Amino acid sequence: MVPAIQQTDDRKNFMSFSIPYQTTPWVIVTRDDAEFVGGLNDLESKTVSVQDRFILQKQIEEKHPDLKL
């Protein structure tokens, strides 16, 4: 059992997944003196840092290809 792994097409080839019973929201962390960020669209002119090879990186690349990671 891996409690915090997300399903991907690659992982489906060698793992079985059940229906998720828990979800964890993604958050955007900024400096306290930064402008308000309400979502990824507010970051179009910024450089965004994400954990390398993490599922969030792939999702952002697919859904927001114009963001600079």
N, C-alpha and C. Protein backbone atom coordinates (compact mmCIF):
# COMPACT_ATOMS: atom_id res chain seq x y z
N MET A 1 0.84 -1.18 0.00
CA MET A 1 0.00 0.00 0.00
C MET A 1 0.89 1.25 0.00
N VAL A 2 0.57 2.16 -0.88
CA VAL A 2 1.27 3.43 -0.95
C VAL A 2 0.21 4.51 -0.75
N PRO A 3 0.18 5.17 0.40
CA PRO A 3 -0.94 6.04 0.73
C PRO A 3 -1.03 7.35 -0.03
N ALA A 4 0.06 7.83 -0.57
CA ALA A 4 0.01 9.17 -1.17
C ALA A 4 0.40 9.19 -2.65
N ILE A 5 0.27 8.09 -3.33
CA ILE A 5 0.66 8.03 -4.74
C ILE A 5 -0.56 8.31 -5.62
N GLN A 6 -0.33 9.01 -6.70
CA GLN A 6 -1.43 9.32 -7.62
C GLN A 6 -1.34 8.43 -8.85
N GLN A 7 -2.50 8.17 -9.40
CA GLN A 7 -2.59 7.32 -10.59
C GLN A 7 -2.12 8.08 -11.82
N THR A 8 -1.27 7.45 -12.61
CA THR A 8 -0.87 7.98 -13.91
C THR A 8 -0.97 6.84 -14.92
N ASP A 9 -0.92 7.17 -16.19
CA ASP A 9 -0.98 6.13 -17.21
C ASP A 9 0.18 5.15 -17.07
N ASP A 10 1.38 5.67 -16.78
CA ASP A 10 2.55 4.80 -16.61
C ASP A 10 2.38 3.86 -15.43
N ARG A 11 1.91 4.38 -14.32
CA ARG A 11 1.77 3.56 -13.12
C ARG A 11 0.68 2.50 -13.25
N LYS A 12 -0.33 2.78 -14.06
CA LYS A 12 -1.39 1.79 -14.26
C LYS A 12 -0.86 0.51 -14.90
N ASN A 13 0.30 0.59 -15.56
CA ASN A 13 0.89 -0.59 -16.19
C ASN A 13 1.40 -1.62 -15.19
N PHE A 14 1.75 -1.18 -13.98
CA PHE A 14 2.31 -2.11 -13.00
C PHE A 14 1.70 -2.01 -11.61
N MET A 15 0.65 -1.18 -11.45
CA MET A 15 -0.01 -1.06 -10.15
C MET A 15 -1.52 -1.09 -10.34
N SER A 16 -2.22 -1.53 -9.33
CA SER A 16 -3.68 -1.49 -9.33
C SER A 16 -4.12 -0.36 -8.41
N PHE A 17 -5.08 0.43 -8.84
CA PHE A 17 -5.56 1.56 -8.07
C PHE A 17 -7.03 1.38 -7.71
N SER A 18 -7.37 1.75 -6.49
CA SER A 18 -8.77 1.75 -6.06
C SER A 18 -9.32 3.16 -6.28
N ILE A 19 -10.59 3.34 -5.99
CA ILE A 19 -11.19 4.66 -6.03
C ILE A 19 -10.58 5.48 -4.89
N PRO A 20 -10.13 6.70 -5.16
CA PRO A 20 -9.52 7.50 -4.09
C PRO A 20 -10.50 7.72 -2.94
N TYR A 21 -10.02 7.58 -1.73
CA TYR A 21 -10.85 7.82 -0.55
C TYR A 21 -10.45 9.10 0.16
N GLN A 22 -9.37 9.72 -0.28
CA GLN A 22 -8.90 10.95 0.32
C GLN A 22 -8.28 11.80 -0.78
N THR A 23 -8.51 13.08 -0.73
CA THR A 23 -7.86 13.99 -1.67
C THR A 23 -7.09 15.04 -0.88
N THR A 24 -6.02 15.51 -1.48
CA THR A 24 -5.20 16.54 -0.86
C THR A 24 -5.09 17.69 -1.85
N PRO A 25 -5.49 18.88 -1.44
CA PRO A 25 -5.44 20.01 -2.39
C PRO A 25 -4.01 20.47 -2.63
N TRP A 26 -3.76 20.97 -3.84
CA TRP A 26 -2.48 21.59 -4.15
C TRP A 26 -2.57 23.03 -3.68
N VAL A 27 -1.48 23.59 -3.25
CA VAL A 27 -1.47 24.98 -2.79
C VAL A 27 -0.37 25.75 -3.50
N ILE A 28 -0.54 27.05 -3.55
CA ILE A 28 0.47 27.94 -4.10
C ILE A 28 1.02 28.74 -2.93
N VAL A 29 2.33 28.71 -2.76
CA VAL A 29 2.97 29.42 -1.66
C VAL A 29 3.75 30.59 -2.23
N THR A 30 3.52 31.77 -1.66
CA THR A 30 4.22 32.98 -2.10
C THR A 30 4.82 33.69 -0.89
N ARG A 31 5.63 34.68 -1.17
CA ARG A 31 6.16 35.52 -0.09
C ARG A 31 5.01 36.34 0.48
N ASP A 32 5.14 36.76 1.72
CA ASP A 32 4.04 37.53 2.33
C ASP A 32 3.92 38.94 1.75
N ASP A 33 4.94 39.42 1.03
CA ASP A 33 4.85 40.74 0.41
C ASP A 33 4.52 40.66 -1.09
N ALA A 34 4.16 39.47 -1.57
CA ALA A 34 3.82 39.29 -3.00
C ALA A 34 2.35 39.66 -3.24
N GLU A 35 2.04 39.94 -4.50
CA GLU A 35 0.65 40.19 -4.87
C GLU A 35 -0.16 38.92 -4.68
N PHE A 36 -1.48 39.07 -4.49
CA PHE A 36 -2.36 37.92 -4.30
C PHE A 36 -2.32 37.03 -5.54
N VAL A 37 -2.27 35.73 -5.33
CA VAL A 37 -2.32 34.74 -6.41
C VAL A 37 -3.53 33.86 -6.17
N GLY A 38 -4.50 33.92 -7.07
CA GLY A 38 -5.72 33.15 -6.93
C GLY A 38 -5.72 31.85 -7.71
N GLY A 39 -4.70 31.64 -8.51
CA GLY A 39 -4.61 30.42 -9.31
C GLY A 39 -3.42 30.49 -10.24
N LEU A 40 -3.23 29.42 -10.99
CA LEU A 40 -2.07 29.34 -11.88
C LEU A 40 -2.10 30.40 -12.98
N ASN A 41 -3.29 30.82 -13.38
CA ASN A 41 -3.37 31.85 -14.42
C ASN A 41 -2.73 33.16 -13.98
N ASP A 42 -2.71 33.42 -12.66
CA ASP A 42 -2.08 34.63 -12.14
C ASP A 42 -0.56 34.57 -12.21
N LEU A 43 0.00 33.44 -12.55
CA LEU A 43 1.45 33.26 -12.56
C LEU A 43 2.04 33.22 -13.97
N GLU A 44 1.29 33.64 -14.96
CA GLU A 44 1.74 33.52 -16.36
C GLU A 44 3.05 34.25 -16.63
N SER A 45 3.33 35.34 -15.97
CA SER A 45 4.56 36.09 -16.23
C SER A 45 5.66 35.76 -15.23
N LYS A 46 5.44 34.77 -14.38
CA LYS A 46 6.39 34.42 -13.33
C LYS A 46 7.05 33.07 -13.61
N THR A 47 8.15 32.81 -12.89
CA THR A 47 8.77 31.50 -12.91
C THR A 47 8.18 30.70 -11.75
N VAL A 48 7.72 29.49 -12.03
CA VAL A 48 7.06 28.66 -11.03
C VAL A 48 7.97 27.48 -10.69
N SER A 49 8.14 27.23 -9.40
CA SER A 49 8.96 26.10 -8.95
C SER A 49 8.06 24.96 -8.49
N VAL A 50 8.35 23.78 -8.97
CA VAL A 50 7.65 22.57 -8.53
C VAL A 50 8.69 21.48 -8.35
N GLN A 51 8.33 20.47 -7.58
CA GLN A 51 9.25 19.35 -7.37
C GLN A 51 9.47 18.62 -8.68
N ASP A 52 10.72 18.39 -9.04
CA ASP A 52 11.08 17.73 -10.29
C ASP A 52 10.50 16.32 -10.35
N ARG A 53 9.90 15.99 -11.49
CA ARG A 53 9.33 14.67 -11.77
C ARG A 53 8.18 14.32 -10.84
N PHE A 54 7.56 15.29 -10.23
CA PHE A 54 6.40 15.10 -9.38
C PHE A 54 5.16 15.18 -10.26
N ILE A 55 4.08 14.51 -9.88
CA ILE A 55 2.89 14.49 -10.72
C ILE A 55 2.37 15.90 -11.03
N LEU A 56 2.54 16.81 -10.08
CA LEU A 56 2.07 18.18 -10.29
C LEU A 56 2.81 18.84 -11.46
N GLN A 57 4.09 18.55 -11.62
CA GLN A 57 4.85 19.11 -12.74
C GLN A 57 4.22 18.68 -14.06
N LYS A 58 3.91 17.42 -14.20
CA LYS A 58 3.32 16.91 -15.44
C LYS A 58 1.94 17.53 -15.69
N GLN A 59 1.14 17.66 -14.64
CA GLN A 59 -0.19 18.24 -14.79
C GLN A 59 -0.11 19.70 -15.21
N ILE A 60 0.82 20.45 -14.62
CA ILE A 60 0.97 21.86 -15.01
C ILE A 60 1.45 21.97 -16.44
N GLU A 61 2.41 21.14 -16.83
CA GLU A 61 2.91 21.17 -18.21
C GLU A 61 1.80 20.89 -19.21
N GLU A 62 0.89 19.98 -18.88
CA GLU A 62 -0.20 19.63 -19.79
C GLU A 62 -1.30 20.69 -19.82
N LYS A 63 -1.68 21.22 -18.66
CA LYS A 63 -2.82 22.13 -18.57
C LYS A 63 -2.44 23.60 -18.72
N HIS A 64 -1.19 23.92 -18.45
CA HIS A 64 -0.72 25.31 -18.53
C HIS A 64 0.64 25.35 -19.23
N PRO A 65 0.69 25.00 -20.51
CA PRO A 65 1.98 24.90 -21.21
C PRO A 65 2.74 26.22 -21.32
N ASP A 66 2.07 27.35 -21.11
CA ASP A 66 2.74 28.64 -21.22
C ASP A 66 3.47 29.05 -19.94
N LEU A 67 3.24 28.33 -18.84
CA LEU A 67 3.93 28.67 -17.59
C LEU A 67 5.40 28.29 -17.70
N LYS A 68 6.25 29.12 -17.12
CA LYS A 68 7.69 28.86 -17.11
C LYS A 68 8.03 28.12 -15.83
N LEU A 69 8.34 26.82 -15.95
CA LEU A 69 8.69 26.03 -14.78
C LEU A 69 10.18 26.01 -14.58
